[in-house]
PDB file of N, CA and C in Angstrom:
ATOM      1  N   UNK A   1      85.395 100.545 104.029  1.00  0.00           N
ATOM      2  CA  UNK A   1      84.329 101.546 104.042  1.00  0.00           C
ATOM      3  C   UNK A   1      84.258 102.341 105.277  1.00  0.00           C
ATOM      4  N   UNK A   2      83.877 103.355 105.237  1.00  0.00           N
ATOM      5  CA  UNK A   2      83.435 104.208 106.262  1.00  0.00           C
ATOM      6  C   UNK A   2      82.179 104.282 106.562  1.00  0.00           C
ATOM      7  N   UNK A   3      81.998 103.905 108.002  1.00  0.00           N
ATOM      8  CA  UNK A   3      80.391 104.462 108.473  1.00  0.00           C
ATOM      9  C   UNK A   3      80.430 105.535 108.852  1.00  0.00           C
ATOM     10  N   UNK A   4      79.025 106.554 108.647  1.00  0.00           N
ATOM     11  CA  UNK A   4      78.962 107.689 109.301  1.00  0.00           C
ATOM     12  C   UNK A   4      77.852 107.683 110.237  1.00  0.00           C
ATOM     13  N   UNK A   5      77.438 108.246 111.365  1.00  0.00           N
ATOM     14  CA  UNK A   5      76.251 108.682 112.037  1.00  0.00           C
ATOM     15  C   UNK A   5      76.217 109.946 112.031  1.00  0.00           C
ATOM     16  N   UNK A   6      74.982 110.325 111.479  1.00  0.00           N
ATOM     17  CA  UNK A   6      74.822 111.648 111.514  1.00  0.00           C
ATOM     18  C   UNK A   6      73.387 112.203 112.399  1.00  0.00           C
ATOM     19  N   UNK A   7      73.393 113.295 112.916  1.00  0.00           N
ATOM     20  CA  UNK A   7      72.090 113.912 113.650  1.00  0.00           C
ATOM     21  C   UNK A   7      71.625 114.979 112.824  1.00  0.00           C
ATOM     22  N   UNK A   8      70.299 114.585 112.451  1.00  0.00           N
ATOM     23  CA  UNK A   8      69.711 116.036 111.788  1.00  0.00           C
ATOM     24  C   UNK A   8      68.240 116.297 112.380  1.00  0.00           C
ATOM     25  N   UNK A   9      68.023 117.449 112.146  1.00  0.00           N
ATOM     26  CA  UNK A   9      66.548 117.779 112.683  1.00  0.00           C
ATOM     27  C   UNK A   9      65.353 116.999 112.261  1.00  0.00           C
ATOM     28  N   UNK A  10      64.309 116.421 113.084  1.00  0.00           N
ATOM     29  CA  UNK A  10      63.417 115.876 112.457  1.00  0.00           C
ATOM     30  C   UNK A  10      62.694 116.050 111.396  1.00  0.00           C
ATOM     31  N   UNK A  11      62.456 117.307 111.210  1.00  0.00           N
ATOM     32  CA  UNK A  11      61.754 117.977 109.709  1.00  0.00           C
ATOM     33  C   UNK A  11      62.605 117.698 108.558  1.00  0.00           C
ATOM     34  N   UNK A  12      63.631 117.855 108.610  1.00  0.00           N
ATOM     35  CA  UNK A  12      64.698 117.838 107.782  1.00  0.00           C
ATOM     36  C   UNK A  12      64.900 116.303 107.370  1.00  0.00           C
ATOM     37  N   UNK A  13      64.969 115.436 108.214  1.00  0.00           N
ATOM     38  CA  UNK A  13      65.192 114.096 108.085  1.00  0.00           C
ATOM     39  C   UNK A  13      63.886 113.466 107.259  1.00  0.00           C
ATOM     40  N   UNK A  14      62.720 113.948 107.698  1.00  0.00           N
ATOM     41  CA  UNK A  14      61.640 113.676 107.253  1.00  0.00           C
ATOM     42  C   UNK A  14      61.343 113.804 105.754  1.00  0.00           C
ATOM     43  N   UNK A  15      61.686 115.171 105.518  1.00  0.00           N
ATOM     44  CA  UNK A  15      61.659 115.918 104.053  1.00  0.00           C
ATOM     45  C   UNK A  15      62.683 114.952 103.309  1.00  0.00           C
ATOM     46  N   UNK A  16      63.965 114.837 103.653  1.00  0.00           N
ATOM     47  CA  UNK A  16      65.027 113.923 102.963  1.00  0.00           C
ATOM     48  C   UNK A  16      64.527 112.499 102.726  1.00  0.00           C
ATOM     49  N   UNK A  17      63.949 111.982 103.710  1.00  0.00           N
ATOM     50  CA  UNK A  17      63.592 110.707 103.585  1.00  0.00           C
ATOM     51  C   UNK A  17      62.451 110.295 102.460  1.00  0.00           C
ATOM     52  N   UNK A  18      61.375 111.241 102.394  1.00  0.00           N
ATOM     53  CA  UNK A  18      60.220 111.645 101.512  1.00  0.00           C
ATOM     54  C   UNK A  18      61.140 111.584  99.978  1.00  0.00           C
ATOM     55  N   UNK A  19      62.100 112.366 100.006  1.00  0.00           N
ATOM     56  CA  UNK A  19      62.725 112.578  98.340  1.00  0.00           C
ATOM     57  C   UNK A  19      63.713 111.434  98.085  1.00  0.00           C
ATOM     58  N   UNK A  20      63.840 110.480  99.144  1.00  0.00           N
ATOM     59  CA  UNK A  20      64.574 109.341  98.666  1.00  0.00           C
ATOM     60  C   UNK A  20      66.221 109.560  98.943  1.00  0.00           C
ATOM     61  N   UNK A  21      66.701 110.616  99.777  1.00  0.00           N
ATOM     62  CA  UNK A  21      67.677 111.294  99.724  1.00  0.00           C
ATOM     63  C   UNK A  21      68.634 110.540 101.021  1.00  0.00           C
ATOM     64  N   UNK A  22      67.912 109.736 101.815  1.00  0.00           N
ATOM     65  CA  UNK A  22      68.559 109.087 102.819  1.00  0.00           C
ATOM     66  C   UNK A  22      69.156 107.629 102.706  1.00  0.00           C
ATOM     67  N   UNK A  23      69.194 107.381 101.327  1.00  0.00           N
ATOM     68  CA  UNK A  23      69.769 106.098 101.110  1.00  0.00           C
ATOM     69  C   UNK A  23      71.193 105.940 100.933  1.00  0.00           C
ATOM     70  N   UNK A  24      71.974 105.053 101.061  1.00  0.00           N
ATOM     71  CA  UNK A  24      73.259 105.216 100.698  1.00  0.00           C
ATOM     72  C   UNK A  24      73.750 105.756  99.563  1.00  0.00           C
ATOM     73  N   UNK A  25      73.197 105.221  98.378  1.00  0.00           N
ATOM     74  CA  UNK A  25      73.521 105.942  97.314  1.00  0.00           C
ATOM     75  C   UNK A  25      73.327 107.379  97.045  1.00  0.00           C
ATOM     76  N   UNK A  26      72.228 107.645  97.529  1.00  0.00           N
ATOM     77  CA  UNK A  26      71.790 109.206  97.487  1.00  0.00           C
ATOM     78  C   UNK A  26      72.839 110.061  98.367  1.00  0.00           C
ATOM     79  N   UNK A  27      73.247 109.631  99.571  1.00  0.00           N
ATOM     80  CA  UNK A  27      74.144 110.231 100.253  1.00  0.00           C
ATOM     81  C   UNK A  27      75.268 110.411  99.654  1.00  0.00           C
ATOM     82  N   UNK A  28      75.882 109.277  99.102  1.00  0.00           N
ATOM     83  CA  UNK A  28      77.079 109.163  98.124  1.00  0.00           C
ATOM     84  C   UNK A  28      77.259 110.127  97.213  1.00  0.00           C
ATOM     85  N   UNK A  29      76.062 110.082  96.379  1.00  0.00           N
ATOM     86  CA  UNK A  29      75.848 110.867  95.289  1.00  0.00           C
ATOM     87  C   UNK A  29      75.858 112.578  95.740  1.00  0.00           C
ATOM     88  N   UNK A  30      75.194 112.710  96.790  1.00  0.00           N
ATOM     89  CA  UNK A  30      75.128 114.073  97.295  1.00  0.00           C
ATOM     90  C   UNK A  30      76.727 114.512  97.719  1.00  0.00           C
ATOM     91  N   UNK A  31      77.461 113.727  98.291  1.00  0.00           N
ATOM     92  CA  UNK A  31      78.821 113.982  98.596  1.00  0.00           C
ATOM     93  C   UNK A  31      79.552 114.223  97.787  1.00  0.00           C
ATOM     94  N   UNK A  32      79.531 113.399  96.787  1.00  0.00           N
ATOM     95  CA  UNK A  32      80.674 113.233  95.434  1.00  0.00           C
ATOM     96  C   UNK A  32      80.039 114.684  94.682  1.00  0.00           C
ATOM     97  N   UNK A  33      78.875 115.087  94.482  1.00  0.00           N
ATOM     98  CA  UNK A  33      78.576 116.466  94.031  1.00  0.00           C
ATOM     99  C   UNK A  33      79.163 117.759  95.013  1.00  0.00           C
ATOM    100  N   UNK A  34      79.057 117.572  96.261  1.00  0.00           N
ATOM    101  CA  UNK A  34      79.774 118.583  97.030  1.00  0.00           C
ATOM    102  C   UNK A  34      81.082 118.602  96.994  1.00  0.00           C
ATOM    103  N   UNK A  35      81.918 117.384  96.748  1.00  0.00           N
ATOM    104  CA  UNK A  35      83.290 117.385  96.339  1.00  0.00           C
ATOM    105  C   UNK A  35      83.665 118.234  95.402  1.00  0.00           C
ATOM    106  N   UNK A  36      82.825 117.705  94.438  1.00  0.00           N
ATOM    107  CA  UNK A  36      83.195 118.553  92.882  1.00  0.00           C
ATOM    108  C   UNK A  36      82.983 119.858  93.008  1.00  0.00           C
ATOM    109  N   UNK A  37      81.808 120.338  93.786  1.00  0.00           N
ATOM    110  CA  UNK A  37      81.696 121.723  93.655  1.00  0.00           C
ATOM    111  C   UNK A  37      82.600 122.454  94.448  1.00  0.00           C
ATOM    112  N   UNK A  38      83.215 121.910  95.391  1.00  0.00           N
ATOM    113  CA  UNK A  38      84.232 122.675  96.502  1.00  0.00           C
ATOM    114  C   UNK A  38      85.834 122.749  95.458  1.00  0.00           C
ATOM    115  N   UNK A  39      85.967 121.481  94.812  1.00  0.00           N
ATOM    116  CA  UNK A  39      87.095 121.389  93.950  1.00  0.00           C
ATOM    117  C   UNK A  39      86.937 122.680  93.000  1.00  0.00           C
ATOM    118  N   UNK A  40      85.856 122.671  92.331  1.00  0.00           N
ATOM    119  CA  UNK A  40      85.439 123.744  91.456  1.00  0.00           C
ATOM    120  C   UNK A  40      85.907 125.248  91.991  1.00  0.00           C
ATOM    121  N   UNK A  41      85.313 125.448  93.073  1.00  0.00           N
ATOM    122  CA  UNK A  41      85.254 126.881  93.791  1.00  0.00           C
ATOM    123  C   UNK A  41      86.872 127.068  93.930  1.00  0.00           C
ATOM    124  N   UNK A  42      87.624 126.082  94.380  1.00  0.00           N
ATOM    125  CA  UNK A  42      88.840 126.234  94.789  1.00  0.00           C
ATOM    126  C   UNK A  42      89.849 126.685  93.384  1.00  0.00           C
ATOM    127  N   UNK A  43      89.592 125.566  92.139  1.00  0.00           N
ATOM    128  CA  UNK A  43      90.069 126.117  90.944  1.00  0.00           C
ATOM    129  C   UNK A  43      89.755 127.252  90.792  1.00  0.00           C
ATOM    130  N   UNK A  44      88.387 127.921  90.674  1.00  0.00           N
ATOM    131  CA  UNK A  44      88.029 129.185  90.278  1.00  0.00           C
ATOM    132  C   UNK A  44      88.958 130.357  91.352  1.00  0.00           C
ATOM    133  N   UNK A  45      89.038 130.216  92.642  1.00  0.00           N
ATOM    134  CA  UNK A  45      89.815 130.754  93.655  1.00  0.00           C
ATOM    135  C   UNK A  45      91.507 130.937  92.867  1.00  0.00           C
ATOM    136  N   UNK A  46      91.858 129.702  92.628  1.00  0.00           N
ATOM    137  CA  UNK A  46      93.266 129.809  92.032  1.00  0.00           C
ATOM    138  C   UNK A  46      93.411 130.460  90.657  1.00  0.00           C
ATOM    139  N   UNK A  47      92.369 130.479  90.030  1.00  0.00           N
ATOM    140  CA  UNK A  47      92.466 131.238  88.854  1.00  0.00           C
ATOM    141  C   UNK A  47      92.345 132.549  88.840  1.00  0.00           C
ATOM    142  N   UNK A  48      91.659 133.021  90.029  1.00  0.00           N
ATOM    143  CA  UNK A  48      91.578 134.354  90.107  1.00  0.00           C
ATOM    144  C   UNK A  48      93.040 135.300  90.480  1.00  0.00           C
ATOM    145  N   UNK A  49      93.510 134.223  91.351  1.00  0.00           N
ATOM    146  CA  UNK A  49      94.680 134.762  92.094  1.00  0.00           C
ATOM    147  C   UNK A  49      95.724 134.868  90.778  1.00  0.00           C
ATOM    148  N   UNK A  50      95.997 133.954  89.810  1.00  0.00           N
ATOM    149  CA  UNK A  50      96.662 133.757  89.008  1.00  0.00           C
ATOM    150  C   UNK A  50      96.514 134.926  87.817  1.00  0.00           C
ATOM    151  N   UNK A  51      95.177 135.402  87.663  1.00  0.00           N
ATOM    152  CA  UNK A  51      94.920 136.338  86.847  1.00  0.00           C
ATOM    153  C   UNK A  51      95.426 137.715  87.525  1.00  0.00           C
ATOM    154  N   UNK A  52      95.268 137.828  89.005  1.00  0.00           N
ATOM    155  CA  UNK A  52      95.743 139.073  89.732  1.00  0.00           C
ATOM    156  C   UNK A  52      97.052 139.272  89.601  1.00  0.00           C
ATOM    157  N   UNK A  53      97.855 137.955  89.402  1.00  0.00           N
ATOM    158  CA  UNK A  53      99.289 138.158  89.400  1.00  0.00           C
ATOM    159  C   UNK A  53      99.813 138.624  88.284  1.00  0.00           C
ATOM    160  N   UNK A  54      98.926 138.811  86.922  1.00  0.00           N
ATOM    161  CA  UNK A  54      99.504 139.213  86.048  1.00  0.00           C
ATOM    162  C   UNK A  54     100.465 138.581  85.331  1.00  0.00           C
ATOM    163  N   UNK A  55     100.553 137.306  85.479  1.00  0.00           N
ATOM    164  CA  UNK A  55     101.793 136.677  84.965  1.00  0.00           C
ATOM    165  C   UNK A  55     101.594 136.317  83.341  1.00  0.00           C
ATOM    166  N   UNK A  56     102.753 136.223  82.623  1.00  0.00           N
ATOM    167  CA  UNK A  56     102.584 136.124  81.321  1.00  0.00           C
ATOM    168  C   UNK A  56     102.154 134.825  80.814  1.00  0.00           C
ATOM    169  N   UNK A  57     101.408 134.821  79.733  1.00  0.00           N
ATOM    170  CA  UNK A  57     101.002 133.513  79.351  1.00  0.00           C
ATOM    171  C   UNK A  57     102.039 132.615  79.106  1.00  0.00           C
ATOM    172  N   UNK A  58     101.926 131.207  79.064  1.00  0.00           N
ATOM    173  CA  UNK A  58     102.873 130.151  78.718  1.00  0.00           C
ATOM    174  C   UNK A  58     102.598 129.960  77.323  1.00  0.00           C
ATOM    175  N   UNK A  59     103.830 129.537  76.554  1.00  0.00           N
ATOM    176  CA  UNK A  59     103.680 128.974  75.078  1.00  0.00           C
ATOM    177  C   UNK A  59     103.164 127.557  75.237  1.00  0.00           C
ATOM    178  N   UNK A  60     102.831 127.187  74.034  1.00  0.00           N
ATOM    179  CA  UNK A  60     102.322 125.859  73.940  1.00  0.00           C
ATOM    180  C   UNK A  60     103.740 124.964  74.257  1.00  0.00           C
ATOM    181  N   UNK A  61     104.770 125.530  73.666  1.00  0.00           N
ATOM    182  CA  UNK A  61     105.882 124.503  73.937  1.00  0.00           C
ATOM    183  C   UNK A  61     106.238 124.405  75.428  1.00  0.00           C
ATOM    184  N   UNK A  62     106.267 125.503  76.213  1.00  0.00           N
ATOM    185  CA  UNK A  62     106.414 125.386  77.719  1.00  0.00           C
ATOM    186  C   UNK A  62     105.450 124.707  78.396  1.00  0.00           C
ATOM    187  N   UNK A  63     104.292 124.544  77.921  1.00  0.00           N
ATOM    188  CA  UNK A  63     103.226 123.697  78.691  1.00  0.00           C
ATOM    189  C   UNK A  63     103.887 122.347  78.399  1.00  0.00           C
ATOM    190  N   UNK A  64     104.056 121.968  76.923  1.00  0.00           N
ATOM    191  CA  UNK A  64     104.154 120.730  76.927  1.00  0.00           C
ATOM    192  C   UNK A  64     105.460 120.272  77.478  1.00  0.00           C
ATOM    193  N   UNK A  65     106.442 120.845  77.540  1.00  0.00           N
ATOM    194  CA  UNK A  65     107.576 120.616  78.480  1.00  0.00           C
ATOM    195  C   UNK A  65     107.237 120.497  80.073  1.00  0.00           C
ATOM    196  N   UNK A  66     106.390 121.329  80.486  1.00  0.00           N
ATOM    197  CA  UNK A  66     106.026 121.222  81.956  1.00  0.00           C
ATOM    198  C   UNK A  66     105.387 119.754  82.063  1.00  0.00           C
ATOM    199  N   UNK A  67     104.491 119.374  81.117  1.00  0.00           N
ATOM    200  CA  UNK A  67     103.627 118.123  81.238  1.00  0.00           C
ATOM    201  C   UNK A  67     104.716 116.938  81.246  1.00  0.00           C
ATOM    202  N   UNK A  68     105.507 116.988  80.142  1.00  0.00           N
ATOM    203  CA  UNK A  68     106.649 115.907  80.510  1.00  0.00           C
ATOM    204  C   UNK A  68     107.387 115.902  81.597  1.00  0.00           C
ATOM    205  N   UNK A  69     107.781 117.114  82.023  1.00  0.00           N
ATOM    206  CA  UNK A  69     108.535 116.889  83.207  1.00  0.00           C
ATOM    207  C   UNK A  69     107.778 116.243  84.637  1.00  0.00           C
ATOM    208  N   UNK A  70     106.407 116.611  84.666  1.00  0.00           N
ATOM    209  CA  UNK A  70     105.493 116.107  85.721  1.00  0.00           C
ATOM    210  C   UNK A  70     105.118 114.881  85.381  1.00  0.00           C
ATOM    211  N   UNK A  71     105.089 114.219  84.349  1.00  0.00           N
ATOM    212  CA  UNK A  71     104.982 112.980  84.036  1.00  0.00           C
ATOM    213  C   UNK A  71     106.187 111.801  84.259  1.00  0.00           C
ATOM    214  N   UNK A  72     107.413 112.361  83.932  1.00  0.00           N
ATOM    215  CA  UNK A  72     108.794 112.018  84.457  1.00  0.00           C
ATOM    216  C   UNK A  72     108.810 111.682  85.759  1.00  0.00           C
ATOM    217  N   UNK A  73     108.462 112.825  86.661  1.00  0.00           N
ATOM    218  CA  UNK A  73     108.795 112.884  87.996  1.00  0.00           C
ATOM    219  C   UNK A  73     107.642 111.661  88.590  1.00  0.00           C
ATOM    220  N   UNK A  74     106.201 111.597  88.030  1.00  0.00           N
ATOM    221  CA  UNK A  74     105.610 110.739  88.644  1.00  0.00           C
ATOM    222  C   UNK A  74     105.938 109.237  88.183  1.00  0.00           C
ATOM    223  N   UNK A  75     106.511 109.211  86.977  1.00  0.00           N
ATOM    224  CA  UNK A  75     107.126 107.654  86.798  1.00  0.00           C
ATOM    225  C   UNK A  75     108.312 107.516  87.616  1.00  0.00           C
ATOM    226  N   UNK A  76     109.009 108.121  87.752  1.00  0.00           N
ATOM    227  CA  UNK A  76     110.184 108.176  88.745  1.00  0.00           C
ATOM    228  C   UNK A  76     109.543 107.555  90.199  1.00  0.00           C
ATOM    229  N   UNK A  77     108.523 108.349  90.674  1.00  0.00           N
ATOM    230  CA  UNK A  77     107.992 108.008  91.975  1.00  0.00           C
ATOM    231  C   UNK A  77     107.658 106.643  92.242  1.00  0.00           C
ATOM    232  N   UNK A  78     106.634 106.558  91.171  1.00  0.00           N
ATOM    233  CA  UNK A  78     105.946 104.977  90.831  1.00  0.00           C
ATOM    234  C   UNK A  78     107.010 103.841  90.720  1.00  0.00           C
ATOM    235  N   UNK A  79     108.080 104.219  89.995  1.00  0.00           N
ATOM    236  CA  UNK A  79     109.124 103.202  89.861  1.00  0.00           C
ATOM    237  C   UNK A  79     109.825 103.114  91.305  1.00  0.00           C
ATOM    238  N   UNK A  80     109.947 104.145  91.949  1.00  0.00           N
ATOM    239  CA  UNK A  80     110.850 104.143  93.266  1.00  0.00           C
ATOM    240  C   UNK A  80     109.845 103.158  94.130  1.00  0.00           C
ATOM    241  N   UNK A  81     108.694 103.406  94.365  1.00  0.00           N
ATOM    242  CA  UNK A  81     107.675 102.944  94.945  1.00  0.00           C
ATOM    243  C   UNK A  81     107.669 101.360  94.879  1.00  0.00           C
ATOM    244  N   UNK A  82     107.702 101.231  93.501  1.00  0.00           N
ATOM    245  CA  UNK A  82     107.646  99.713  93.161  1.00  0.00           C
ATOM    246  C   UNK A  82     108.683  99.010  93.674  1.00  0.00           C
ATOM    247  N   UNK A  83     110.056  99.611  93.455  1.00  0.00           N
ATOM    248  CA  UNK A  83     111.100  98.957  93.734  1.00  0.00           C
ATOM    249  C   UNK A  83     111.272  98.937  95.218  1.00  0.00           C
ATOM    250  N   UNK A  84     110.807  99.850  96.052  1.00  0.00           N
ATOM    251  CA  UNK A  84     110.837  99.675  97.606  1.00  0.00           C
ATOM    252  C   UNK A  84     109.798  98.641  97.957  1.00  0.00           C
ATOM    253  N   UNK A  85     108.650  98.346  97.245  1.00  0.00           N
ATOM    254  CA  UNK A  85     107.970  97.377  97.581  1.00  0.00           C
ATOM    255  C   UNK A  85     108.541  95.852  97.428  1.00  0.00           C
ATOM    256  N   UNK A  86     109.558  95.794  96.375  1.00  0.00           N
ATOM    257  CA  UNK A  86     110.113  94.568  96.230  1.00  0.00           C
ATOM    258  C   UNK A  86     111.232  94.173  97.343  1.00  0.00           C
ATOM    259  N   UNK A  87     111.520  95.167  97.957  1.00  0.00           N
ATOM    260  CA  UNK A  87     112.450  94.914  99.008  1.00  0.00           C
ATOM    261  C   UNK A  87     111.957  94.126 100.297  1.00  0.00           C
ATOM    262  N   UNK A  88     110.740  94.422 100.426  1.00  0.00           N
ATOM    263  CA  UNK A  88     110.222  93.841 101.683  1.00  0.00           C
ATOM    264  C   UNK A  88     110.200  92.501 102.046  1.00  0.00           C
TER     265      UNK A  88
END
Protein backbone atom coordinates (compact mmCIF):
# COMPACT_ATOMS: atom_id res chain seq x y z
CA UNK A 1 0.00 0.00 0.00
CA UNK A 2 1.31 3.46 -0.86
CA UNK A 3 1.12 6.25 1.68
CA UNK A 4 0.87 9.84 0.45
CA UNK A 5 1.44 13.09 2.26
CA UNK A 6 -0.19 16.12 0.65
CA UNK A 7 -0.15 19.81 1.47
CA UNK A 8 -3.39 21.73 1.02
CA UNK A 9 -4.36 25.33 1.63
CA UNK A 10 -6.08 25.57 5.02
CA UNK A 11 -9.40 26.76 3.60
CA UNK A 12 -9.55 23.90 1.07
CA UNK A 13 -8.59 21.33 3.71
CA UNK A 14 -11.31 22.62 6.05
CA UNK A 15 -14.00 22.57 3.34
CA UNK A 16 -12.94 19.06 2.27
CA UNK A 17 -12.90 17.87 5.88
CA UNK A 18 -16.43 19.24 6.48
CA UNK A 19 -17.64 17.32 3.43
CA UNK A 20 -15.97 14.10 4.55
CA UNK A 21 -13.51 14.11 1.66
CA UNK A 22 -10.32 13.63 3.65
CA UNK A 23 -10.94 10.01 4.63
CA UNK A 24 -8.94 7.21 3.03
CA UNK A 25 -12.10 5.89 1.35
CA UNK A 26 -13.16 9.29 -0.02
CA UNK A 27 -9.71 10.09 -1.38
CA UNK A 28 -9.46 6.62 -2.95
CA UNK A 29 -12.84 7.14 -4.66
CA UNK A 30 -11.86 10.63 -5.86
CA UNK A 31 -8.64 9.26 -7.35
CA UNK A 32 -10.43 6.34 -9.01
CA UNK A 33 -12.93 8.75 -10.57
CA UNK A 34 -10.10 11.00 -11.78
CA UNK A 35 -8.27 8.02 -13.31
CA UNK A 36 -11.47 6.90 -15.12
CA UNK A 37 -12.07 10.43 -16.44
CA UNK A 38 -8.48 10.64 -17.69
CA UNK A 39 -8.85 7.27 -19.44
CA UNK A 40 -12.12 8.44 -21.00
CA UNK A 41 -10.50 11.64 -22.26
CA UNK A 42 -7.64 9.61 -23.74
CA UNK A 43 -10.11 7.28 -25.45
CA UNK A 44 -12.01 10.23 -26.93
CA UNK A 45 -8.73 11.72 -28.13
CA UNK A 46 -7.83 8.46 -29.86
CA UNK A 47 -11.31 8.24 -31.40
CA UNK A 48 -10.94 11.76 -32.82
CA UNK A 49 -7.59 10.86 -34.36
CA UNK A 50 -9.03 7.69 -35.85
CA UNK A 51 -11.94 9.61 -37.31
CA UNK A 52 -9.58 12.23 -38.75
CA UNK A 53 -7.52 9.46 -40.38
CA UNK A 54 -10.57 8.47 -42.46
CA UNK A 55 -9.81 4.76 -42.16
CA UNK A 56 -12.37 2.38 -43.61
CA UNK A 57 -14.43 0.61 -40.95
CA UNK A 58 -13.49 -2.96 -40.08
CA UNK A 59 -15.88 -5.76 -40.88
CA UNK A 60 -17.23 -7.94 -38.08
CA UNK A 61 -15.08 -10.79 -39.36
CA UNK A 62 -11.94 -8.62 -39.20
CA UNK A 63 -12.76 -7.59 -35.63
CA UNK A 64 -13.37 -11.20 -34.56
CA UNK A 65 -10.07 -12.28 -36.14
CA UNK A 66 -8.17 -9.44 -34.44
CA UNK A 67 -9.68 -10.34 -31.05
CA UNK A 68 -8.66 -13.98 -31.57
CA UNK A 69 -5.09 -12.93 -32.40
CA UNK A 70 -4.81 -10.69 -29.36
CA UNK A 71 -6.18 -13.41 -27.08
CA UNK A 72 -3.75 -15.96 -28.55
CA UNK A 73 -0.83 -13.57 -27.96
CA UNK A 74 -1.98 -12.97 -24.38
CA UNK A 75 -2.28 -16.72 -23.75
CA UNK A 76 1.20 -17.26 -25.18
CA UNK A 77 2.69 -14.54 -22.94
CA UNK A 78 0.88 -15.90 -19.89
CA UNK A 79 2.01 -19.43 -20.68
CA UNK A 80 5.61 -18.30 -21.26
CA UNK A 81 5.57 -16.37 -17.98
CA UNK A 82 4.24 -19.36 -16.09
CA UNK A 83 6.81 -21.73 -17.56
CA UNK A 84 9.58 -19.22 -16.80
CA UNK A 85 8.46 -19.11 -13.16
CA UNK A 86 8.70 -22.90 -12.97
CA UNK A 87 12.38 -22.80 -13.92
CA UNK A 88 13.40 -20.77 -10.85
